[in-house]
């Protein structure tokens, strides 16, 4: 699934913004790849999470990067363990990408978020 919501991320707001992607395919997630494009002048302000339809979440970015600009990143369960909480989850339902800006001054935008269930296994 992919969304290009072009949403402004509210400054110093832990609730942040959410972008949803509905997955109609039933199965159990065995591999996952997530890509984000966030325009922001201080990525150290940001927390980015992906939540499965069951509410389980994986934190993709937690305020790293300091004053670096723009978070354009792909996370793959084959190469990083940060997505491991989502492996074994049911694929069918609404997935939520949430972005929060926890400091003042710099405002950003969620330009694009997408994820691929690289190889969902059939449910038993």
C-alpha atoms as a PDB file:
ATOM      1  CA  UNK A   1       0.000   0.000   0.000  1.00  0.00           C
ATOM      2  CA  UNK A   2       1.060   3.564  -0.566  1.00  0.00           C
ATOM      3  CA  UNK A   3      -0.202   6.988   0.464  1.00  0.00           C
ATOM      4  CA  UNK A   4       0.982  10.452  -0.516  1.00  0.00           C
ATOM      5  CA  UNK A   5      -0.945  12.479   2.044  1.00  0.00           C
ATOM      6  CA  UNK A   6       1.204  15.657   2.046  1.00  0.00           C
ATOM      7  CA  UNK A   7       0.166  16.274   5.663  1.00  0.00           C
ATOM      8  CA  UNK A   8       1.695  18.989   7.816  1.00  0.00           C
ATOM      9  CA  UNK A   9       3.204  17.555  10.996  1.00  0.00           C
ATOM     10  CA  UNK A  10       2.110  19.720  13.937  1.00  0.00           C
ATOM     11  CA  UNK A  11       4.993  21.224  15.901  1.00  0.00           C
ATOM     12  CA  UNK A  12       5.663  19.995  19.454  1.00  0.00           C
ATOM     13  CA  UNK A  13       2.649  17.676  19.427  1.00  0.00           C
ATOM     14  CA  UNK A  14       3.100  14.066  20.611  1.00  0.00           C
ATOM     15  CA  UNK A  15      -0.193  13.040  18.953  1.00  0.00           C
ATOM     16  CA  UNK A  16       1.237  13.950  15.559  1.00  0.00           C
ATOM     17  CA  UNK A  17      -0.481  12.851  12.369  1.00  0.00           C
ATOM     18  CA  UNK A  18      -1.594   9.514  11.008  1.00  0.00           C
ATOM     19  CA  UNK A  19      -1.829   8.138   7.503  1.00  0.00           C
ATOM     20  CA  UNK A  20      -3.710   4.887   6.938  1.00  0.00           C
ATOM     21  CA  UNK A  21      -3.359   2.151   4.372  1.00  0.00           C
ATOM     22  CA  UNK A  22      -5.975  -0.589   4.031  1.00  0.00           C
ATOM     23  CA  UNK A  23      -4.760  -4.074   3.146  1.00  0.00           C
ATOM     24  CA  UNK A  24      -7.479  -6.373   1.778  1.00  0.00           C
ATOM     25  CA  UNK A  25      -5.250  -9.463   1.545  1.00  0.00           C
ATOM     26  CA  UNK A  26      -5.532 -12.053   4.314  1.00  0.00           C
ATOM     27  CA  UNK A  27      -2.389 -13.712   5.550  1.00  0.00           C
ATOM     28  CA  UNK A  28       0.335 -13.582   8.141  1.00  0.00           C
ATOM     29  CA  UNK A  29       3.195 -11.132   7.588  1.00  0.00           C
ATOM     30  CA  UNK A  30       6.515 -12.903   7.097  1.00  0.00           C
ATOM     31  CA  UNK A  31       8.470 -10.003   5.543  1.00  0.00           C
ATOM     32  CA  UNK A  32       7.866  -6.267   5.490  1.00  0.00           C
ATOM     33  CA  UNK A  33       9.408  -3.224   3.810  1.00  0.00           C
ATOM     34  CA  UNK A  34       8.422   0.327   4.782  1.00  0.00           C
ATOM     35  CA  UNK A  35       9.450   3.546   3.025  1.00  0.00           C
ATOM     36  CA  UNK A  36       8.858   7.086   4.258  1.00  0.00           C
ATOM     37  CA  UNK A  37       9.463  10.515   2.793  1.00  0.00           C
ATOM     38  CA  UNK A  38       9.222  13.235   5.408  1.00  0.00           C
ATOM     39  CA  UNK A  39      10.331  16.787   4.668  1.00  0.00           C
ATOM     40  CA  UNK A  40      11.619  18.399   7.853  1.00  0.00           C
ATOM     41  CA  UNK A  41      14.536  20.688   8.697  1.00  0.00           C
ATOM     42  CA  UNK A  42      15.448  18.912  11.972  1.00  0.00           C
ATOM     43  CA  UNK A  43      14.747  15.170  11.865  1.00  0.00           C
ATOM     44  CA  UNK A  44      15.907  14.819  15.469  1.00  0.00           C
ATOM     45  CA  UNK A  45      12.447  16.156  16.422  1.00  0.00           C
ATOM     46  CA  UNK A  46      10.629  13.196  14.857  1.00  0.00           C
ATOM     47  CA  UNK A  47       9.185   9.889  16.002  1.00  0.00           C
ATOM     48  CA  UNK A  48       7.826   7.588  13.265  1.00  0.00           C
ATOM     49  CA  UNK A  49       5.803   4.445  13.980  1.00  0.00           C
ATOM     50  CA  UNK A  50       3.937   1.826  11.970  1.00  0.00           C
ATOM     51  CA  UNK A  51       0.990   0.061  13.618  1.00  0.00           C
ATOM     52  CA  UNK A  52      -0.612  -3.170  12.469  1.00  0.00           C
ATOM     53  CA  UNK A  53      -4.397  -3.662  12.384  1.00  0.00           C
ATOM     54  CA  UNK A  54      -4.152  -5.427  15.776  1.00  0.00           C
ATOM     55  CA  UNK A  55      -2.457  -2.382  17.343  1.00  0.00           C
ATOM     56  CA  UNK A  56       1.053  -3.819  17.546  1.00  0.00           C
ATOM     57  CA  UNK A  57       3.618  -1.179  16.625  1.00  0.00           C
ATOM     58  CA  UNK A  58       7.159  -0.823  15.413  1.00  0.00           C
ATOM     59  CA  UNK A  59       9.072   2.394  16.059  1.00  0.00           C
ATOM     60  CA  UNK A  60      10.944   3.232  12.862  1.00  0.00           C
ATOM     61  CA  UNK A  61      12.633   6.486  13.883  1.00  0.00           C
ATOM     62  CA  UNK A  62      13.144   7.892  17.376  1.00  0.00           C
ATOM     63  CA  UNK A  63      14.625  11.363  17.269  1.00  0.00           C
ATOM     64  CA  UNK A  64      17.934  10.405  15.640  1.00  0.00           C
ATOM     65  CA  UNK A  65      19.708  12.610  13.143  1.00  0.00           C
ATOM     66  CA  UNK A  66      19.744  15.931  14.975  1.00  0.00           C
ATOM     67  CA  UNK A  67      19.674  18.873  12.575  1.00  0.00           C
ATOM     68  CA  UNK A  68      19.841  16.739   9.428  1.00  0.00           C
ATOM     69  CA  UNK A  69      17.164  17.609   6.887  1.00  0.00           C
ATOM     70  CA  UNK A  70      14.492  15.276   5.520  1.00  0.00           C
ATOM     71  CA  UNK A  71      13.872  11.679   6.496  1.00  0.00           C
ATOM     72  CA  UNK A  72      13.803   9.627   3.313  1.00  0.00           C
ATOM     73  CA  UNK A  73      14.321   6.072   4.426  1.00  0.00           C
ATOM     74  CA  UNK A  74      13.416   2.466   3.668  1.00  0.00           C
ATOM     75  CA  UNK A  75      13.233  -0.083   6.472  1.00  0.00           C
ATOM     76  CA  UNK A  76      13.320  -3.778   5.533  1.00  0.00           C
ATOM     77  CA  UNK A  77      12.642  -6.683   7.900  1.00  0.00           C
ATOM     78  CA  UNK A  78      15.385  -8.634   6.081  1.00  0.00           C
ATOM     79  CA  UNK A  79      18.031  -6.127   7.189  1.00  0.00           C
ATOM     80  CA  UNK A  80      16.758  -4.559  10.440  1.00  0.00           C
ATOM     81  CA  UNK A  81      15.101  -5.898  13.567  1.00  0.00           C
ATOM     82  CA  UNK A  82      13.006  -2.773  14.212  1.00  0.00           C
ATOM     83  CA  UNK A  83      10.173  -4.286  12.148  1.00  0.00           C
ATOM     84  CA  UNK A  84      10.216  -7.591  14.072  1.00  0.00           C
ATOM     85  CA  UNK A  85       7.194  -6.676  16.261  1.00  0.00           C
ATOM     86  CA  UNK A  86       5.075  -6.717  13.083  1.00  0.00           C
ATOM     87  CA  UNK A  87       6.243 -10.082  11.760  1.00  0.00           C
ATOM     88  CA  UNK A  88       3.596 -12.710  12.442  1.00  0.00           C
ATOM     89  CA  UNK A  89       0.764 -10.163  12.468  1.00  0.00           C
ATOM     90  CA  UNK A  90      -2.342 -10.552  10.322  1.00  0.00           C
ATOM     91  CA  UNK A  91      -1.976  -8.531   7.121  1.00  0.00           C
ATOM     92  CA  UNK A  92      -5.666  -7.788   6.555  1.00  0.00           C
ATOM     93  CA  UNK A  93      -6.970  -4.465   7.873  1.00  0.00           C
ATOM     94  CA  UNK A  94      -5.934  -0.864   8.394  1.00  0.00           C
ATOM     95  CA  UNK A  95      -2.250  -0.133   8.949  1.00  0.00           C
ATOM     96  CA  UNK A  96      -1.331   3.250  10.459  1.00  0.00           C
ATOM     97  CA  UNK A  97       1.822   5.277   9.864  1.00  0.00           C
ATOM     98  CA  UNK A  98       2.134   7.888  12.616  1.00  0.00           C
ATOM     99  CA  UNK A  99       4.587  10.794  12.663  1.00  0.00           C
ATOM    100  CA  UNK A 100       5.109  13.045  15.696  1.00  0.00           C
ATOM    101  CA  UNK A 101       7.251  16.150  16.115  1.00  0.00           C
ATOM    102  CA  UNK A 102       8.293  16.426  19.769  1.00  0.00           C
ATOM    103  CA  UNK A 103      10.106  19.783  19.709  1.00  0.00           C
ATOM    104  CA  UNK A 104       9.230  23.352  18.794  1.00  0.00           C
ATOM    105  CA  UNK A 105      10.425  25.603  15.943  1.00  0.00           C
ATOM    106  CA  UNK A 106      10.749  23.284  12.913  1.00  0.00           C
ATOM    107  CA  UNK A 107       7.627  22.131  11.043  1.00  0.00           C
ATOM    108  CA  UNK A 108       7.592  19.352   8.469  1.00  0.00           C
ATOM    109  CA  UNK A 109       5.373  17.370   6.100  1.00  0.00           C
ATOM    110  CA  UNK A 110       4.679  13.692   5.576  1.00  0.00           C
ATOM    111  CA  UNK A 111       4.968  13.522   1.797  1.00  0.00           C
ATOM    112  CA  UNK A 112       4.787   9.760   1.250  1.00  0.00           C
ATOM    113  CA  UNK A 113       4.546   6.519   3.144  1.00  0.00           C
ATOM    114  CA  UNK A 114       4.360   3.051   1.686  1.00  0.00           C
ATOM    115  CA  UNK A 115       4.851  -0.492   2.760  1.00  0.00           C
ATOM    116  CA  UNK A 116       5.025  -3.856   1.112  1.00  0.00           C
ATOM    117  CA  UNK A 117       4.093  -7.132   2.699  1.00  0.00           C
ATOM    118  CA  UNK A 118       6.886  -8.831   0.811  1.00  0.00           C
ATOM    119  CA  UNK A 119       5.606 -12.358   1.254  1.00  0.00           C
ATOM    120  CA  UNK A 120       2.463 -12.814   3.302  1.00  0.00           C
ATOM    121  CA  UNK A 121       1.861 -16.424   4.216  1.00  0.00           C
ATOM    122  CA  UNK A 122      -1.638 -17.867   3.987  1.00  0.00           C
ATOM    123  CA  UNK A 123      -3.429 -18.122   7.308  1.00  0.00           C
ATOM    124  CA  UNK A 124      -3.843 -21.689   8.610  1.00  0.00           C
END
